[in-house]
Protein backbone atom coordinates (compact mmCIF):
# COMPACT_ATOMS: atom_id res chain seq x y z
CA MET A 1 -6.21 18.21 -26.54
CA SER A 2 -2.55 19.28 -26.48
CA SER A 3 0.02 17.05 -28.19
CA ARG A 4 2.73 17.73 -25.61
CA LYS A 5 3.48 15.24 -22.89
CA THR A 6 1.58 15.13 -19.61
CA ARG A 7 4.07 15.87 -16.84
CA VAL A 8 3.26 14.06 -13.58
CA CYS A 9 5.17 14.45 -10.32
CA VAL A 10 4.58 11.80 -7.70
CA ILE A 11 5.28 12.57 -4.02
CA ASN A 12 6.49 9.29 -2.56
CA PRO A 13 8.80 9.86 0.44
CA PHE A 14 9.69 6.26 1.24
CA GLY A 15 9.69 4.70 -2.22
CA TYR A 16 13.35 4.87 -3.30
CA GLU A 17 14.22 1.30 -2.34
CA LEU A 18 11.72 -0.13 -4.82
CA PHE A 19 13.66 1.54 -7.63
CA ASP A 20 17.01 0.46 -6.22
CA PRO A 21 16.78 -2.60 -3.92
CA ALA A 22 20.40 -2.09 -2.88
CA ALA A 23 19.64 1.39 -1.55
CA ARG A 24 19.81 1.83 2.18
CA ALA A 25 16.63 3.66 3.09
CA ALA A 26 15.91 4.96 6.57
CA ARG A 27 12.32 3.69 6.71
CA VAL A 28 10.47 0.57 5.60
CA PHE A 29 8.12 1.01 2.66
CA GLY A 30 4.59 -0.39 2.52
CA GLY A 31 1.64 -0.77 0.21
CA VAL A 32 1.50 2.95 -0.62
CA GLU A 33 5.01 2.87 -2.04
CA VAL A 34 4.43 -0.39 -3.94
CA GLN A 35 1.37 0.99 -5.69
CA LEU A 36 3.13 4.23 -6.62
CA TYR A 37 6.09 2.19 -7.96
CA TYR A 38 3.91 0.16 -10.29
CA LEU A 39 1.82 3.12 -11.44
CA THR A 40 4.71 5.52 -12.02
CA THR A 41 6.95 3.08 -13.87
CA ALA A 42 3.98 2.05 -16.04
CA LEU A 43 3.17 5.69 -16.83
CA ALA A 44 6.83 6.36 -17.62
CA ARG A 45 6.70 3.67 -20.32
CA LEU A 46 3.95 5.58 -22.13
CA ASP A 47 5.11 7.90 -24.91
CA ASP A 48 2.97 10.84 -23.84
CA PHE A 49 3.97 11.02 -20.15
CA GLU A 50 6.99 12.48 -18.33
CA VAL A 51 7.20 11.27 -14.72
CA SER A 52 9.21 12.60 -11.81
CA MET A 53 9.18 11.59 -8.16
CA VAL A 54 9.90 13.53 -4.97
CA VAL A 55 11.41 10.96 -2.65
CA GLU A 56 13.38 10.85 0.57
CA ARG A 57 17.11 10.62 -0.01
CA PRO A 58 18.46 7.15 0.88
CA GLU A 59 21.63 6.70 2.92
CA SER A 60 23.33 5.08 -0.09
CA THR A 61 22.58 3.57 -3.51
CA ALA A 62 24.11 0.74 -5.55
CA ASP A 63 25.73 3.10 -8.07
CA GLY A 64 26.35 6.08 -5.79
CA VAL A 65 23.86 8.22 -7.73
CA LEU A 66 20.96 9.78 -5.81
CA ASP A 67 19.13 11.98 -8.27
CA GLY A 68 18.81 10.89 -11.89
CA VAL A 69 16.46 8.68 -13.86
CA ARG A 70 15.48 5.20 -12.64
CA GLU A 71 13.16 3.00 -14.66
CA GLY A 72 12.12 6.06 -16.65
CA VAL A 73 11.27 8.12 -13.56
CA ARG A 74 13.25 11.28 -12.72
CA MET A 75 14.19 11.14 -9.05
CA LEU A 76 14.13 14.36 -7.04
CA THR A 77 15.53 13.53 -3.60
CA VAL A 78 14.97 15.48 -0.42
CA PRO A 79 16.68 15.09 2.98
CA ARG A 80 14.96 13.05 5.64
CA GLU A 81 12.80 15.14 7.94
CA ARG A 82 14.61 15.79 11.22
CA ALA A 83 13.24 14.11 14.33
CA ALA A 84 12.59 17.46 16.04
CA MET A 85 10.56 18.70 13.08
CA THR A 86 8.61 15.42 13.00
CA ARG A 87 7.66 15.90 16.66
CA ILE A 88 6.54 19.46 16.00
CA ARG A 89 4.61 18.55 12.86
CA THR A 90 2.74 15.85 14.76
CA HIS A 91 0.83 18.69 16.40
CA VAL A 92 1.42 21.77 14.23
CA PRO A 93 1.08 21.64 10.43
CA ILE A 94 4.23 23.35 9.21
CA PRO A 95 4.87 22.90 5.46
CA LEU A 96 8.16 21.19 4.59
CA ALA A 97 10.34 23.62 2.61
CA ALA A 98 12.41 20.80 1.01
CA TYR A 99 9.32 19.16 -0.47
CA LEU A 100 7.91 22.46 -1.70
CA ALA A 101 11.22 23.24 -3.40
CA ALA A 102 11.41 19.79 -5.02
CA MET A 103 7.83 20.08 -6.30
CA ASP A 104 8.71 23.44 -7.77
CA LYS A 105 11.75 21.90 -9.48
CA ALA A 106 9.58 19.16 -10.99
CA HIS A 107 7.53 21.77 -12.86
CA ALA A 108 4.76 19.22 -13.46
CA ASP A 109 1.21 19.61 -14.70
CA VAL A 110 -0.21 17.15 -12.16
CA TYR A 111 1.05 16.33 -8.67
CA LEU A 112 0.02 12.92 -7.34
CA GLN A 113 0.17 11.94 -3.67
CA ARG A 114 -1.13 8.80 -1.94
CA GLY A 115 -2.16 8.32 1.68
CA GLY A 116 -3.61 10.80 4.19
CA ALA A 117 -0.72 12.80 5.69
CA LEU A 118 0.59 16.29 6.34
CA LEU A 119 2.09 16.07 2.87
CA THR A 120 -1.44 16.06 1.47
CA GLY A 121 -1.79 19.61 2.73
CA ASP A 122 1.69 20.54 1.47
CA VAL A 123 0.97 19.29 -2.05
CA ALA A 124 -2.39 21.05 -2.12
CA LEU A 125 -0.68 24.25 -1.00
CA HIS A 126 1.94 24.00 -3.78
CA CYS A 127 -0.72 23.36 -6.40
CA LEU A 128 -2.83 26.26 -5.16
CA LEU A 129 0.09 28.69 -5.26
CA HIS A 130 1.34 27.54 -8.69
CA ARG A 131 -2.03 26.81 -10.30
CA ARG A 132 -1.26 23.15 -10.87
CA ARG A 133 -3.53 20.10 -10.65
CA PHE A 134 -3.53 17.91 -7.56
CA ALA A 135 -4.58 14.23 -7.62
CA PHE A 136 -4.92 12.44 -4.28
CA MET A 137 -5.20 8.68 -3.73
CA ALA A 138 -6.72 7.30 -0.53
CA ALA A 139 -4.61 4.49 0.93
CA HIS A 140 -6.56 3.53 4.06
CA ASP A 141 -10.13 3.69 5.24
CA TRP A 142 -8.90 6.16 7.89
CA ASP A 143 -8.10 8.61 5.06
CA CYS A 144 -11.83 8.78 4.32
CA ASP A 145 -13.34 9.60 7.70
CA HIS A 146 -12.14 11.86 10.54
CA HIS A 147 -9.58 9.47 12.04
CA HIS A 148 -6.69 11.87 11.34
CA ARG A 149 -8.29 14.56 13.50
CA ALA A 150 -8.39 12.39 16.63
CA GLY A 151 -6.97 13.72 19.91
CA ALA A 152 -3.77 15.75 19.75
CA GLN A 153 -3.67 15.45 15.96
CA TYR A 154 -6.66 17.75 15.44
CA LEU A 155 -4.69 20.56 13.80
CA THR A 156 -2.65 18.30 11.56
CA GLY A 157 -5.75 16.28 10.69
CA THR A 158 -7.56 19.48 9.78
CA TYR A 159 -4.65 20.48 7.54
CA TYR A 160 -4.87 17.05 5.82
CA ALA A 161 -8.64 17.43 5.37
CA ALA A 162 -8.20 20.88 3.87
CA GLY A 163 -5.67 19.45 1.42
CA LEU A 164 -8.03 16.60 0.55
CA ARG A 165 -10.83 19.04 -0.27
CA ARG A 166 -8.46 21.08 -2.46
CA ALA A 167 -7.64 18.05 -4.63
CA ASP A 168 -8.81 18.30 -8.21
CA LEU A 169 -9.17 14.53 -8.51
CA VAL A 170 -9.54 11.96 -5.70
CA TYR A 171 -9.13 8.22 -6.11
CA ALA A 172 -10.75 5.79 -3.66
CA GLN A 173 -9.71 2.15 -3.34
CA SER A 174 -13.21 0.77 -2.90
CA GLU A 175 -16.89 1.65 -3.07
CA PHE A 176 -16.86 1.86 0.71
CA GLN A 177 -14.12 4.51 0.63
CA ARG A 178 -15.95 6.44 -2.08
CA ASP A 179 -19.07 6.55 0.10
CA GLN A 180 -17.05 7.59 3.17
CA LEU A 181 -15.25 10.41 1.34
CA GLU A 182 -18.58 11.82 0.22
CA ARG A 183 -20.21 11.36 3.61
CA HIS A 184 -17.43 12.78 5.82
CA HIS A 185 -15.72 15.29 3.53
CA GLY A 186 -18.20 16.08 0.76
CA VAL A 187 -15.58 14.90 -1.72
CA SER A 188 -16.43 13.07 -4.93
CA SER A 189 -14.02 10.34 -6.00
CA ARG A 190 -13.49 7.56 -8.52
CA VAL A 191 -12.50 4.02 -7.60
CA GLN A 192 -8.97 3.11 -8.64
CA ARG A 193 -8.19 -0.51 -7.84
CA THR A 194 -4.90 -1.72 -6.42
CA VAL A 195 -2.73 -2.92 -9.28
CA TYR A 196 -0.07 -5.60 -9.80
CA PRO A 197 1.44 -7.21 -12.90
CA PRO A 198 0.63 -10.87 -13.56
CA ALA A 199 2.83 -13.57 -12.00
CA ASP A 200 3.51 -17.29 -12.33
CA VAL A 201 1.31 -19.67 -10.33
CA ALA A 202 2.66 -22.66 -8.35
CA ALA A 203 1.03 -26.09 -8.46
CA PRO A 204 -0.81 -27.28 -5.32
CA ALA A 205 1.99 -29.73 -4.52
CA GLU A 206 4.41 -26.78 -4.23
CA ARG A 207 2.36 -25.03 -1.57
CA GLN A 208 4.19 -25.14 1.74
CA HIS A 209 2.87 -22.78 4.39
CA VAL A 210 0.30 -20.37 5.79
CA LEU A 211 1.56 -16.81 5.27
CA TRP A 212 1.45 -13.42 6.99
CA VAL A 213 3.18 -10.43 5.41
CA GLY A 214 3.23 -6.89 6.80
CA ARG A 215 4.87 -4.20 8.89
CA CYS A 216 5.00 -4.83 12.63
CA VAL A 217 2.52 -2.20 13.78
CA ASP A 218 -0.12 -2.62 16.46
CA TRP A 219 -3.17 -2.23 14.21
CA LYS A 220 -2.00 -5.12 12.00
CA ARG A 221 -2.21 -7.40 15.09
CA PRO A 222 0.70 -9.75 14.31
CA THR A 223 0.19 -11.61 17.58
CA VAL A 224 -3.16 -12.93 16.32
CA PHE A 225 -1.28 -14.78 13.59
CA LEU A 226 0.90 -16.40 16.24
CA ASP A 227 -2.23 -17.45 18.16
CA LEU A 228 -3.47 -19.01 14.92
CA ALA A 229 -0.20 -20.91 14.47
CA GLU A 230 -0.44 -22.33 17.96
CA SER A 231 -3.92 -23.63 17.14
CA GLN A 232 -2.53 -25.51 14.10
CA PRO A 233 0.73 -27.10 15.39
CA ASP A 234 1.08 -29.48 12.44
CA VAL A 235 0.90 -26.75 9.78
CA PRO A 236 3.95 -24.64 8.79
CA PHE A 237 3.46 -20.90 9.24
CA VAL A 238 5.71 -18.21 7.76
CA MET A 239 5.78 -14.63 9.00
CA ALA A 240 7.44 -11.83 7.00
CA CYS A 241 7.14 -9.16 9.67
CA ALA A 242 9.16 -5.99 9.02
CA PRO A 243 10.23 -3.82 11.94
CA TYR A 244 8.74 -0.32 11.84
CA GLU A 245 9.95 2.94 13.29
CA GLY A 246 8.32 3.64 16.66
CA GLU A 247 7.19 0.03 17.16
CA HIS A 248 10.48 -1.63 18.12
CA SER A 249 9.24 -3.05 21.42
CA LEU A 250 6.32 -4.70 19.65
CA TYR A 251 8.62 -6.15 17.01
CA GLU A 252 10.97 -7.58 19.62
CA ALA A 253 8.07 -9.13 21.55
CA VAL A 254 6.60 -10.70 18.38
CA ALA A 255 10.02 -12.03 17.28
CA ARG A 256 10.71 -13.54 20.69
CA ARG A 257 7.34 -15.24 20.87
CA ALA A 258 7.55 -16.54 17.29
CA LYS A 259 10.80 -18.32 18.09
CA THR A 260 9.06 -20.30 20.82
CA ILE A 261 6.46 -21.73 18.41
CA PRO A 262 7.97 -24.73 16.57
CA ASN A 263 5.86 -24.46 13.42
CA VAL A 264 6.52 -20.75 12.86
CA ARG A 265 9.34 -19.47 10.64
CA PHE A 266 9.85 -15.82 11.51
CA LEU A 267 11.65 -13.96 8.71
CA GLY A 268 11.54 -10.37 9.86
CA PHE A 269 12.05 -7.97 6.96
CA VAL A 270 11.93 -9.56 3.50
CA PRO A 271 12.87 -7.54 0.36
CA PHE A 272 9.81 -6.85 -1.72
CA ALA A 273 11.05 -8.81 -4.73
CA GLU A 274 11.32 -11.93 -2.57
CA THR A 275 7.77 -11.77 -1.20
CA GLU A 276 6.31 -13.00 -4.48
CA ASP A 277 7.72 -16.49 -3.89
CA LEU A 278 6.30 -16.50 -0.38
CA PHE A 279 2.81 -15.85 -1.74
CA ARG A 280 3.27 -18.26 -4.64
CA HIS A 281 4.11 -21.15 -2.32
CA ALA A 282 1.49 -20.40 0.34
CA TYR A 283 -1.62 -22.52 0.91
CA VAL A 284 -3.36 -19.45 2.33
CA ALA A 285 -2.50 -15.81 3.05
CA VAL A 286 -3.86 -14.40 6.33
CA ASN A 287 -4.69 -10.80 7.24
CA THR A 288 -5.23 -9.88 10.90
CA SER A 289 -5.53 -6.05 10.72
CA THR A 290 -8.22 -4.05 12.50
CA ALA A 291 -8.62 -1.84 9.43
CA GLU A 292 -6.92 -1.23 6.07
CA GLY A 293 -7.66 0.41 2.78
CA PHE A 294 -7.47 -2.29 0.15
CA PRO A 295 -4.66 -4.57 1.36
CA ASN A 296 -1.84 -5.11 -1.13
CA THR A 297 -1.49 -8.58 0.35
CA PHE A 298 -4.96 -9.52 -0.94
CA VAL A 299 -3.87 -8.76 -4.51
CA GLN A 300 -0.41 -10.28 -4.06
CA ALA A 301 -2.12 -13.49 -3.03
CA ALA A 302 -4.84 -13.43 -5.68
CA ARG A 303 -2.42 -12.96 -8.57
CA VAL A 304 -0.70 -16.26 -7.70
CA ALA A 305 -4.01 -18.08 -6.99
CA THR A 306 -3.58 -18.13 -3.21
CA PRO A 307 -6.80 -17.94 -1.14
CA VAL A 308 -7.12 -15.21 1.50
CA LEU A 309 -8.46 -15.44 5.03
CA SER A 310 -9.04 -12.25 6.94
CA LEU A 311 -9.87 -11.70 10.60
CA GLU A 312 -11.77 -8.45 10.03
CA VAL A 313 -10.86 -6.58 6.82
CA ASP A 314 -12.96 -7.33 3.73
CA PRO A 315 -13.27 -4.27 1.43
CA ASP A 316 -16.62 -4.25 -0.37
CA GLY A 317 -17.12 -7.86 0.76
CA ILE A 318 -14.90 -9.21 -1.98
CA LEU A 319 -13.74 -12.35 -0.19
CA GLY A 320 -17.21 -13.85 -0.09
CA LYS A 321 -18.66 -12.09 -3.13
CA HIS A 322 -15.89 -13.37 -5.42
CA GLY A 323 -15.23 -16.59 -3.53
CA LEU A 324 -11.50 -16.10 -3.06
CA GLY A 325 -11.48 -16.71 0.69
CA ALA A 326 -13.38 -15.83 3.83
CA CYS A 327 -13.65 -13.14 6.51
CA ALA A 328 -14.18 -14.03 10.18
CA GLY A 329 -15.86 -10.74 11.13
CA GLY A 330 -13.40 -10.12 13.96
CA ASP A 331 -13.89 -13.60 15.51
CA SER A 332 -10.44 -15.19 15.96
CA ALA A 333 -11.99 -18.56 16.84
CA LEU A 334 -13.93 -18.54 13.58
CA LEU A 335 -10.75 -17.63 11.70
CA ALA A 336 -9.10 -20.82 13.07
CA VAL A 337 -12.13 -22.85 11.93
CA GLN A 338 -12.01 -21.29 8.46
CA LEU A 339 -8.33 -22.07 8.18
CA SER A 340 -8.85 -25.70 9.18
CA HIS A 341 -11.61 -26.03 6.61
CA VAL A 342 -9.63 -24.67 3.65
CA LEU A 343 -6.60 -26.78 4.58
CA ASP A 344 -8.59 -29.99 5.06
CA ASP A 345 -11.02 -29.68 2.15
CA ASP A 346 -9.16 -29.80 -1.16
CA ALA A 347 -12.26 -28.95 -3.17
CA THR A 348 -12.71 -25.73 -1.21
CA TRP A 349 -9.04 -24.79 -1.66
CA GLN A 350 -9.16 -25.50 -5.38
CA ARG A 351 -12.30 -23.42 -5.85
CA GLN A 352 -10.98 -20.46 -3.86
CA SER A 353 -7.63 -20.68 -5.66
CA ARG A 354 -9.29 -20.50 -9.10
CA ASN A 355 -11.58 -17.72 -8.00
CA ALA A 356 -8.66 -15.70 -6.62
CA LEU A 357 -6.81 -15.82 -9.93
CA ASP A 358 -9.96 -15.01 -11.93
CA TYR A 359 -10.67 -12.08 -9.64
CA PHE A 360 -7.16 -10.72 -10.05
CA ARG A 361 -7.30 -10.91 -13.84
CA GLN A 362 -10.67 -9.17 -13.96
CA THR A 363 -10.05 -6.47 -11.38
CA HIS A 364 -6.39 -5.77 -10.54
CA ASP A 365 -4.23 -6.57 -13.56
CA LEU A 366 -1.95 -3.56 -14.14
CA ASP A 367 -2.04 -3.85 -17.93
CA ALA A 368 -5.83 -3.78 -17.93
CA ILE A 369 -6.20 -0.88 -15.49
CA LEU A 370 -3.40 1.42 -16.68
CA PRO A 371 -5.22 2.86 -19.74
CA GLY A 372 -8.09 4.20 -17.60
CA PHE A 373 -5.73 5.58 -14.98
CA ALA A 374 -3.58 7.33 -17.58
CA ALA A 375 -6.68 8.73 -19.27
CA SER A 376 -7.89 10.22 -15.98
CA LEU A 377 -4.59 12.09 -15.56
CA ARG A 378 -4.67 13.36 -19.14
CA GLU A 379 -8.21 14.63 -18.63
CA LEU A 380 -7.20 16.30 -15.38
CA CYS A 381 -4.31 18.05 -17.12
CA ASP A 382 -6.57 19.28 -19.91
CA ARG A 383 -9.24 20.80 -17.66
């Protein structure tokens, strides 16, 4: 094994704001960017890694510096993709020259990209041409089947799938995703759990609300949370619902309706650093999505001992298997019953709260998972 450092370049278009909260970014980040933030900054603290990141250039930063090193990570900024090119690339997979140039500038051993996208194909192309290693991380169950090839996206979905198959190492978020990747793409993968650092836990008396956190997109079904709030008029509900590009009409409709429900506090976008307190002081965190990968919100809740209720998403059946909450199997009426039960039965809440924290410590603690993740990248580099 070589004694020189392992050079890793992470392609993370919308992640700049996590490194500089004062930066004005053009798009809202999500769970993909959060995971890459934690993993890259943790890798950068290791003596035998050099980490760079290809990231979309923000409109401004706190110190006026765009490129440079932040939290040990070398930032390589690229201009935002023009709207016309985005429209074209929705149907025709044209590689982005700015990203290819930035990846070349990084001169890394391993290129890491998360989430099924056209960039998956671009990174695979760069690694093929330059004989570098490509590590891909699934971020959604849709990355593991043929969802990205649906309808008019057939060509771009095919380009993504070709990039996925060119990856030298693939990380799944769950056993379900690992099975789906093998079944639909013939791709072997290893399970890499969602990671977070530990956090302080609030006492039961400090719990104040039922919580929903997410981007305002149709498949996250924010209106179901409002239905739930109307069914529990005496319980405070808090909704951190960030507007998302292309979904402005949905956001406006959700915001208008939320303001008509007396027990709902609608916050809109909340900076990531402030969401921790929302989870810490929640009785329960609620997920209403039709599908996800492994929701960051599950782990954000578990690390502060907050039970989770989910309308439909339950990766690998963890909510029941580990006793940290419950899944309603798509039945919104059952979700309301499950919420009433956990709010009214203190013994149930206490048990689920303890189980959630135990589950986090055993399965998602960044400090515990980092050594295995780092080792997998070293091994990939040494192949």
